[in-house]
């Protein structure tokens, strides 16, 4: 079950990288775009990616917790 902990940690890090990537994308969009409608459209896309990254990170943390309980 130790492998489950390490795999879960890796999955969680992938999710964390996705969340950081979303933050960078939002900051980049805010700097580039003055048009409110274009900014809203870009932020709607980033919100979907952000939720996916959050889900992946949460699943990784669940894997870590299950691995700890089973060890």
PDB file of N, CA and C in Angstrom:
ATOM      1  N   UNK A   1       0.804  -1.200   0.000  1.00  0.00           N
ATOM      2  CA  UNK A   1       0.000   0.000   0.000  1.00  0.00           C
ATOM      3  C   UNK A   1       0.850   1.269   0.000  1.00  0.00           C
ATOM      4  N   UNK A   2       2.145   1.081   0.198  1.00  0.00           N
ATOM      5  CA  UNK A   2       3.014   2.247   0.166  1.00  0.00           C
ATOM      6  C   UNK A   2       3.034   2.884  -1.224  1.00  0.00           C
ATOM      7  N   UNK A   3       2.884   2.048  -2.257  1.00  0.00           N
ATOM      8  CA  UNK A   3       2.837   2.577  -3.625  1.00  0.00           C
ATOM      9  C   UNK A   3       1.617   3.476  -3.827  1.00  0.00           C
ATOM     10  N   UNK A   4       0.514   3.145  -3.168  1.00  0.00           N
ATOM     11  CA  UNK A   4      -0.695   3.971  -3.277  1.00  0.00           C
ATOM     12  C   UNK A   4      -0.437   5.375  -2.738  1.00  0.00           C
ATOM     13  N   UNK A   5       0.346   5.458  -1.685  1.00  0.00           N
ATOM     14  CA  UNK A   5       0.681   6.770  -1.108  1.00  0.00           C
ATOM     15  C   UNK A   5       1.496   7.589  -2.104  1.00  0.00           C
ATOM     16  N   UNK A   6       2.503   6.959  -2.715  1.00  0.00           N
ATOM     17  CA  UNK A   6       3.358   7.679  -3.652  1.00  0.00           C
ATOM     18  C   UNK A   6       2.627   8.048  -4.926  1.00  0.00           C
ATOM     19  N   UNK A   7       1.799   7.143  -5.408  1.00  0.00           N
ATOM     20  CA  UNK A   7       1.006   7.446  -6.607  1.00  0.00           C
ATOM     21  C   UNK A   7       0.025   8.583  -6.306  1.00  0.00           C
ATOM     22  N   UNK A   8      -0.608   8.526  -5.137  1.00  0.00           N
ATOM     23  CA  UNK A   8      -1.527   9.594  -4.744  1.00  0.00           C
ATOM     24  C   UNK A   8      -0.831  10.935  -4.610  1.00  0.00           C
ATOM     25  N   UNK A   9       0.392  10.921  -4.085  1.00  0.00           N
ATOM     26  CA  UNK A   9       1.152  12.167  -3.972  1.00  0.00           C
ATOM     27  C   UNK A   9       1.473  12.729  -5.356  1.00  0.00           C
ATOM     28  N   UNK A  10       1.822  11.842  -6.284  1.00  0.00           N
ATOM     29  CA  UNK A  10       2.118  12.300  -7.643  1.00  0.00           C
ATOM     30  C   UNK A  10       0.871  12.862  -8.317  1.00  0.00           C
ATOM     31  N   UNK A  11      -0.256  12.193  -8.138  1.00  0.00           N
ATOM     32  CA  UNK A  11      -1.520  12.674  -8.723  1.00  0.00           C
ATOM     33  C   UNK A  11      -1.888  14.023  -8.115  1.00  0.00           C
ATOM     34  N   UNK A  12      -1.682  14.155  -6.837  1.00  0.00           N
ATOM     35  CA  UNK A  12      -1.987  15.416  -6.165  1.00  0.00           C
ATOM     36  C   UNK A  12      -1.088  16.547  -6.673  1.00  0.00           C
ATOM     37  N   UNK A  13       0.161  16.239  -6.927  1.00  0.00           N
ATOM     38  CA  UNK A  13       1.066  17.258  -7.473  1.00  0.00           C
ATOM     39  C   UNK A  13       0.682  17.666  -8.883  1.00  0.00           C
ATOM     40  N   UNK A  14       0.194  16.726  -9.670  1.00  0.00           N
ATOM     41  CA  UNK A  14      -0.294  17.065 -11.010  1.00  0.00           C
ATOM     42  C   UNK A  14      -1.481  18.021 -10.908  1.00  0.00           C
ATOM     43  N   UNK A  15      -2.386  17.741  -9.978  1.00  0.00           N
ATOM     44  CA  UNK A  15      -3.522  18.631  -9.767  1.00  0.00           C
ATOM     45  C   UNK A  15      -3.088  20.006  -9.291  1.00  0.00           C
ATOM     46  N   UNK A  16      -2.106  20.039  -8.408  1.00  0.00           N
ATOM     47  CA  UNK A  16      -1.593  21.320  -7.918  1.00  0.00           C
ATOM     48  C   UNK A  16      -0.945  22.114  -9.044  1.00  0.00           C
ATOM     49  N   UNK A  17      -0.230  21.425  -9.927  1.00  0.00           N
ATOM     50  CA  UNK A  17       0.363  22.107 -11.081  1.00  0.00           C
ATOM     51  C   UNK A  17      -0.723  22.676 -11.983  1.00  0.00           C
ATOM     52  N   UNK A  18      -1.832  21.961 -12.122  1.00  0.00           N
ATOM     53  CA  UNK A  18      -2.950  22.473 -12.910  1.00  0.00           C
ATOM     54  C   UNK A  18      -3.570  23.709 -12.295  1.00  0.00           C
ATOM     55  N   UNK A  19      -3.684  23.720 -10.981  1.00  0.00           N
ATOM     56  CA  UNK A  19      -4.246  24.889 -10.294  1.00  0.00           C
ATOM     57  C   UNK A  19      -3.330  26.105 -10.468  1.00  0.00           C
ATOM     58  N   UNK A  20      -2.031  25.884 -10.336  1.00  0.00           N
ATOM     59  CA  UNK A  20      -1.074  26.982 -10.537  1.00  0.00           C
ATOM     60  C   UNK A  20      -1.123  27.461 -11.990  1.00  0.00           C
ATOM     61  N   UNK A  21      -1.244  26.521 -12.918  1.00  0.00           N
ATOM     62  CA  UNK A  21      -1.360  26.896 -14.325  1.00  0.00           C
ATOM     63  C   UNK A  21      -2.593  27.742 -14.594  1.00  0.00           C
ATOM     64  N   UNK A  22      -3.687  27.430 -13.919  1.00  0.00           N
ATOM     65  CA  UNK A  22      -4.902  28.240 -14.068  1.00  0.00           C
ATOM     66  C   UNK A  22      -4.698  29.644 -13.529  1.00  0.00           C
ATOM     67  N   UNK A  23      -4.016  29.758 -12.410  1.00  0.00           N
ATOM     68  CA  UNK A  23      -3.744  31.079 -11.846  1.00  0.00           C
ATOM     69  C   UNK A  23      -2.875  31.905 -12.785  1.00  0.00           C
ATOM     70  N   UNK A  24      -1.893  31.266 -13.403  1.00  0.00           N
ATOM     71  CA  UNK A  24      -1.026  31.963 -14.361  1.00  0.00           C
ATOM     72  C   UNK A  24      -1.832  32.380 -15.590  1.00  0.00           C
ATOM     73  N   UNK A  25      -2.717  31.508 -16.053  1.00  0.00           N
ATOM     74  CA  UNK A  25      -3.536  31.831 -17.228  1.00  0.00           C
ATOM     75  C   UNK A  25      -4.458  33.009 -16.950  1.00  0.00           C
ATOM     76  N   UNK A  26      -5.021  33.075 -15.756  1.00  0.00           N
ATOM     77  CA  UNK A  26      -5.898  34.194 -15.396  1.00  0.00           C
ATOM     78  C   UNK A  26      -5.092  35.489 -15.315  1.00  0.00           C
ATOM     79  N   UNK A  27      -3.926  35.442 -14.690  1.00  0.00           N
ATOM     80  CA  UNK A  27      -3.095  36.651 -14.589  1.00  0.00           C
ATOM     81  C   UNK A  27      -2.673  37.131 -15.972  1.00  0.00           C
ATOM     82  N   UNK A  28      -2.335  36.187 -16.856  1.00  0.00           N
ATOM     83  CA  UNK A  28      -1.940  36.542 -18.217  1.00  0.00           C
ATOM     84  C   UNK A  28      -3.116  37.144 -18.981  1.00  0.00           C
ATOM     85  N   UNK A  29      -4.302  36.575 -18.795  1.00  0.00           N
ATOM     86  CA  UNK A  29      -5.485  37.092 -19.491  1.00  0.00           C
ATOM     87  C   UNK A  29      -5.851  38.486 -18.987  1.00  0.00           C
ATOM     88  N   UNK A  30      -5.708  38.712 -17.699  1.00  0.00           N
ATOM     89  CA  UNK A  30      -6.030  40.039 -17.156  1.00  0.00           C
ATOM     90  C   UNK A  30      -5.069  41.097 -17.670  1.00  0.00           C
ATOM     91  N   UNK A  31      -3.799  40.724 -17.863  1.00  0.00           N
ATOM     92  CA  UNK A  31      -2.827  41.681 -18.378  1.00  0.00           C
ATOM     93  C   UNK A  31      -3.068  41.996 -19.845  1.00  0.00           C
ATOM     94  N   UNK A  32      -3.432  40.984 -20.629  1.00  0.00           N
ATOM     95  CA  UNK A  32      -3.561  41.160 -22.081  1.00  0.00           C
ATOM     96  C   UNK A  32      -4.871  41.796 -22.504  1.00  0.00           C
ATOM     97  N   UNK A  33      -5.957  41.518 -21.806  1.00  0.00           N
ATOM     98  CA  UNK A  33      -7.290  41.847 -22.291  1.00  0.00           C
ATOM     99  C   UNK A  33      -7.856  43.062 -21.573  1.00  0.00           C
ATOM    100  N   UNK A  34      -8.302  44.029 -22.361  1.00  0.00           N
ATOM    101  CA  UNK A  34      -9.024  45.174 -21.820  1.00  0.00           C
ATOM    102  C   UNK A  34     -10.518  45.021 -22.038  1.00  0.00           C
ATOM    103  N   UNK A  35     -10.899  44.181 -22.979  1.00  0.00           N
ATOM    104  CA  UNK A  35     -12.307  43.955 -23.297  1.00  0.00           C
ATOM    105  C   UNK A  35     -12.926  43.040 -22.247  1.00  0.00           C
ATOM    106  N   UNK A  36     -14.008  43.497 -21.639  1.00  0.00           N
ATOM    107  CA  UNK A  36     -14.645  42.755 -20.559  1.00  0.00           C
ATOM    108  C   UNK A  36     -15.256  41.443 -21.047  1.00  0.00           C
ATOM    109  N   UNK A  37     -15.857  41.445 -22.215  1.00  0.00           N
ATOM    110  CA  UNK A  37     -16.498  40.236 -22.742  1.00  0.00           C
ATOM    111  C   UNK A  37     -15.459  39.165 -23.077  1.00  0.00           C
ATOM    112  N   UNK A  38     -14.341  39.571 -23.644  1.00  0.00           N
ATOM    113  CA  UNK A  38     -13.285  38.609 -23.972  1.00  0.00           C
ATOM    114  C   UNK A  38     -12.664  38.023 -22.704  1.00  0.00           C
ATOM    115  N   UNK A  39     -12.522  38.859 -21.686  1.00  0.00           N
ATOM    116  CA  UNK A  39     -11.981  38.378 -20.419  1.00  0.00           C
ATOM    117  C   UNK A  39     -12.933  37.382 -19.768  1.00  0.00           C
ATOM    118  N   UNK A  40     -14.209  37.660 -19.812  1.00  0.00           N
ATOM    119  CA  UNK A  40     -15.200  36.718 -19.253  1.00  0.00           C
ATOM    120  C   UNK A  40     -15.175  35.380 -19.975  1.00  0.00           C
ATOM    121  N   UNK A  41     -15.056  35.421 -21.287  1.00  0.00           N
ATOM    122  CA  UNK A  41     -15.012  34.177 -22.066  1.00  0.00           C
ATOM    123  C   UNK A  41     -13.771  33.360 -21.697  1.00  0.00           C
ATOM    124  N   UNK A  42     -12.646  34.025 -21.551  1.00  0.00           N
ATOM    125  CA  UNK A  42     -11.420  33.317 -21.178  1.00  0.00           C
ATOM    126  C   UNK A  42     -11.516  32.754 -19.761  1.00  0.00           C
ATOM    127  N   UNK A  43     -12.100  33.522 -18.850  1.00  0.00           N
ATOM    128  CA  UNK A  43     -12.223  33.058 -17.469  1.00  0.00           C
ATOM    129  C   UNK A  43     -13.182  31.874 -17.357  1.00  0.00           C
ATOM    130  N   UNK A  44     -14.200  31.825 -18.195  1.00  0.00           N
ATOM    131  CA  UNK A  44     -15.102  30.670 -18.182  1.00  0.00           C
ATOM    132  C   UNK A  44     -14.364  29.406 -18.588  1.00  0.00           C
ATOM    133  N   UNK A  45     -13.455  29.500 -19.537  1.00  0.00           N
ATOM    134  CA  UNK A  45     -12.650  28.342 -19.923  1.00  0.00           C
ATOM    135  C   UNK A  45     -11.720  27.928 -18.791  1.00  0.00           C
ATOM    136  N   UNK A  46     -11.119  28.901 -18.139  1.00  0.00           N
ATOM    137  CA  UNK A  46     -10.165  28.597 -17.077  1.00  0.00           C
ATOM    138  C   UNK A  46     -10.874  27.996 -15.867  1.00  0.00           C
ATOM    139  N   UNK A  47     -12.100  28.406 -15.604  1.00  0.00           N
ATOM    140  CA  UNK A  47     -12.844  27.846 -14.473  1.00  0.00           C
ATOM    141  C   UNK A  47     -13.057  26.349 -14.667  1.00  0.00           C
ATOM    142  N   UNK A  48     -13.341  25.931 -15.877  1.00  0.00           N
ATOM    143  CA  UNK A  48     -13.523  24.502 -16.143  1.00  0.00           C
ATOM    144  C   UNK A  48     -12.222  23.735 -15.887  1.00  0.00           C
ATOM    145  N   UNK A  49     -11.107  24.264 -16.361  1.00  0.00           N
ATOM    146  CA  UNK A  49      -9.820  23.616 -16.113  1.00  0.00           C
ATOM    147  C   UNK A  49      -9.476  23.624 -14.632  1.00  0.00           C
ATOM    148  N   UNK A  50      -9.821  24.702 -13.948  1.00  0.00           N
ATOM    149  CA  UNK A  50      -9.536  24.815 -12.520  1.00  0.00           C
ATOM    150  C   UNK A  50     -10.306  23.761 -11.731  1.00  0.00           C
ATOM    151  N   UNK A  51     -11.566  23.563 -12.068  1.00  0.00           N
ATOM    152  CA  UNK A  51     -12.350  22.550 -11.368  1.00  0.00           C
ATOM    153  C   UNK A  51     -11.806  21.143 -11.629  1.00  0.00           C
ATOM    154  N   UNK A  52     -11.375  20.898 -12.854  1.00  0.00           N
ATOM    155  CA  UNK A  52     -10.765  19.604 -13.173  1.00  0.00           C
ATOM    156  C   UNK A  52      -9.484  19.378 -12.395  1.00  0.00           C
ATOM    157  N   UNK A  53      -8.650  20.398 -12.311  1.00  0.00           N
ATOM    158  CA  UNK A  53      -7.400  20.284 -11.562  1.00  0.00           C
ATOM    159  C   UNK A  53      -7.673  20.092 -10.073  1.00  0.00           C
ATOM    160  N   UNK A  54      -8.690  20.759  -9.566  1.00  0.00           N
ATOM    161  CA  UNK A  54      -9.056  20.597  -8.162  1.00  0.00           C
ATOM    162  C   UNK A  54      -9.536  19.176  -7.897  1.00  0.00           C
ATOM    163  N   UNK A  55     -10.302  18.611  -8.821  1.00  0.00           N
ATOM    164  CA  UNK A  55     -10.771  17.242  -8.684  1.00  0.00           C
ATOM    165  C   UNK A  55      -9.599  16.258  -8.687  1.00  0.00           C
ATOM    166  N   UNK A  56      -8.657  16.449  -9.591  1.00  0.00           N
ATOM    167  CA  UNK A  56      -7.492  15.566  -9.656  1.00  0.00           C
ATOM    168  C   UNK A  56      -6.682  15.660  -8.362  1.00  0.00           C
ATOM    169  N   UNK A  57      -6.501  16.855  -7.863  1.00  0.00           N
ATOM    170  CA  UNK A  57      -5.759  17.041  -6.623  1.00  0.00           C
ATOM    171  C   UNK A  57      -6.477  16.382  -5.440  1.00  0.00           C
ATOM    172  N   UNK A  58      -7.780  16.528  -5.374  1.00  0.00           N
ATOM    173  CA  UNK A  58      -8.544  15.914  -4.290  1.00  0.00           C
ATOM    174  C   UNK A  58      -8.492  14.393  -4.377  1.00  0.00           C
ATOM    175  N   UNK A  59      -8.560  13.847  -5.583  1.00  0.00           N
ATOM    176  CA  UNK A  59      -8.459  12.396  -5.740  1.00  0.00           C
ATOM    177  C   UNK A  59      -7.083  11.899  -5.300  1.00  0.00           C
ATOM    178  N   UNK A  60      -6.053  12.639  -5.611  1.00  0.00           N
ATOM    179  CA  UNK A  60      -4.709  12.272  -5.167  1.00  0.00           C
ATOM    180  C   UNK A  60      -4.596  12.278  -3.656  1.00  0.00           C
ATOM    181  N   UNK A  61      -5.169  13.276  -3.020  1.00  0.00           N
ATOM    182  CA  UNK A  61      -5.134  13.329  -1.560  1.00  0.00           C
ATOM    183  C   UNK A  61      -5.943  12.193  -0.942  1.00  0.00           C
ATOM    184  N   UNK A  62      -7.055  11.828  -1.577  1.00  0.00           N
ATOM    185  CA  UNK A  62      -7.827  10.682  -1.095  1.00  0.00           C
ATOM    186  C   UNK A  62      -7.021   9.396  -1.205  1.00  0.00           C
ATOM    187  N   UNK A  63      -6.277   9.260  -2.295  1.00  0.00           N
ATOM    188  CA  UNK A  63      -5.442   8.073  -2.448  1.00  0.00           C
ATOM    189  C   UNK A  63      -4.374   7.999  -1.358  1.00  0.00           C
ATOM    190  N   UNK A  64      -3.815   9.141  -1.014  1.00  0.00           N
ATOM    191  CA  UNK A  64      -2.803   9.185   0.050  1.00  0.00           C
ATOM    192  C   UNK A  64      -3.426   8.756   1.378  1.00  0.00           C
ATOM    193  N   UNK A  65      -4.590   9.288   1.698  1.00  0.00           N
ATOM    194  CA  UNK A  65      -5.248   8.970   2.959  1.00  0.00           C
ATOM    195  C   UNK A  65      -5.611   7.487   3.022  1.00  0.00           C
ATOM    196  N   UNK A  66      -6.150   6.945   1.926  1.00  0.00           N
ATOM    197  CA  UNK A  66      -6.485   5.515   1.901  1.00  0.00           C
ATOM    198  C   UNK A  66      -5.229   4.669   2.046  1.00  0.00           C
ATOM    199  N   UNK A  67      -4.165   5.071   1.376  1.00  0.00           N
ATOM    200  CA  UNK A  67      -2.907   4.353   1.514  1.00  0.00           C
ATOM    201  C   UNK A  67      -2.375   4.369   2.919  1.00  0.00           C
ATOM    202  N   UNK A  68      -2.513   5.484   3.615  1.00  0.00           N
ATOM    203  CA  UNK A  68      -2.059   5.572   5.015  1.00  0.00           C
ATOM    204  C   UNK A  68      -2.913   4.690   5.910  1.00  0.00           C
ATOM    205  N   UNK A  69      -4.215   4.687   5.700  1.00  0.00           N
ATOM    206  CA  UNK A  69      -5.097   3.846   6.521  1.00  0.00           C
ATOM    207  C   UNK A  69      -4.839   2.364   6.302  1.00  0.00           C
ATOM    208  N   UNK A  70      -4.496   1.985   5.081  1.00  0.00           N
ATOM    209  CA  UNK A  70      -4.285   0.568   4.792  1.00  0.00           C
ATOM    210  C   UNK A  70      -2.885   0.077   5.148  1.00  0.00           C
ATOM    211  N   UNK A  71      -2.000   0.982   5.460  1.00  0.00           N
ATOM    212  CA  UNK A  71      -0.636   0.592   5.820  1.00  0.00           C
ATOM    213  C   UNK A  71      -0.538   0.213   7.271  1.00  0.00           C
TER     214      UNK A  71
END
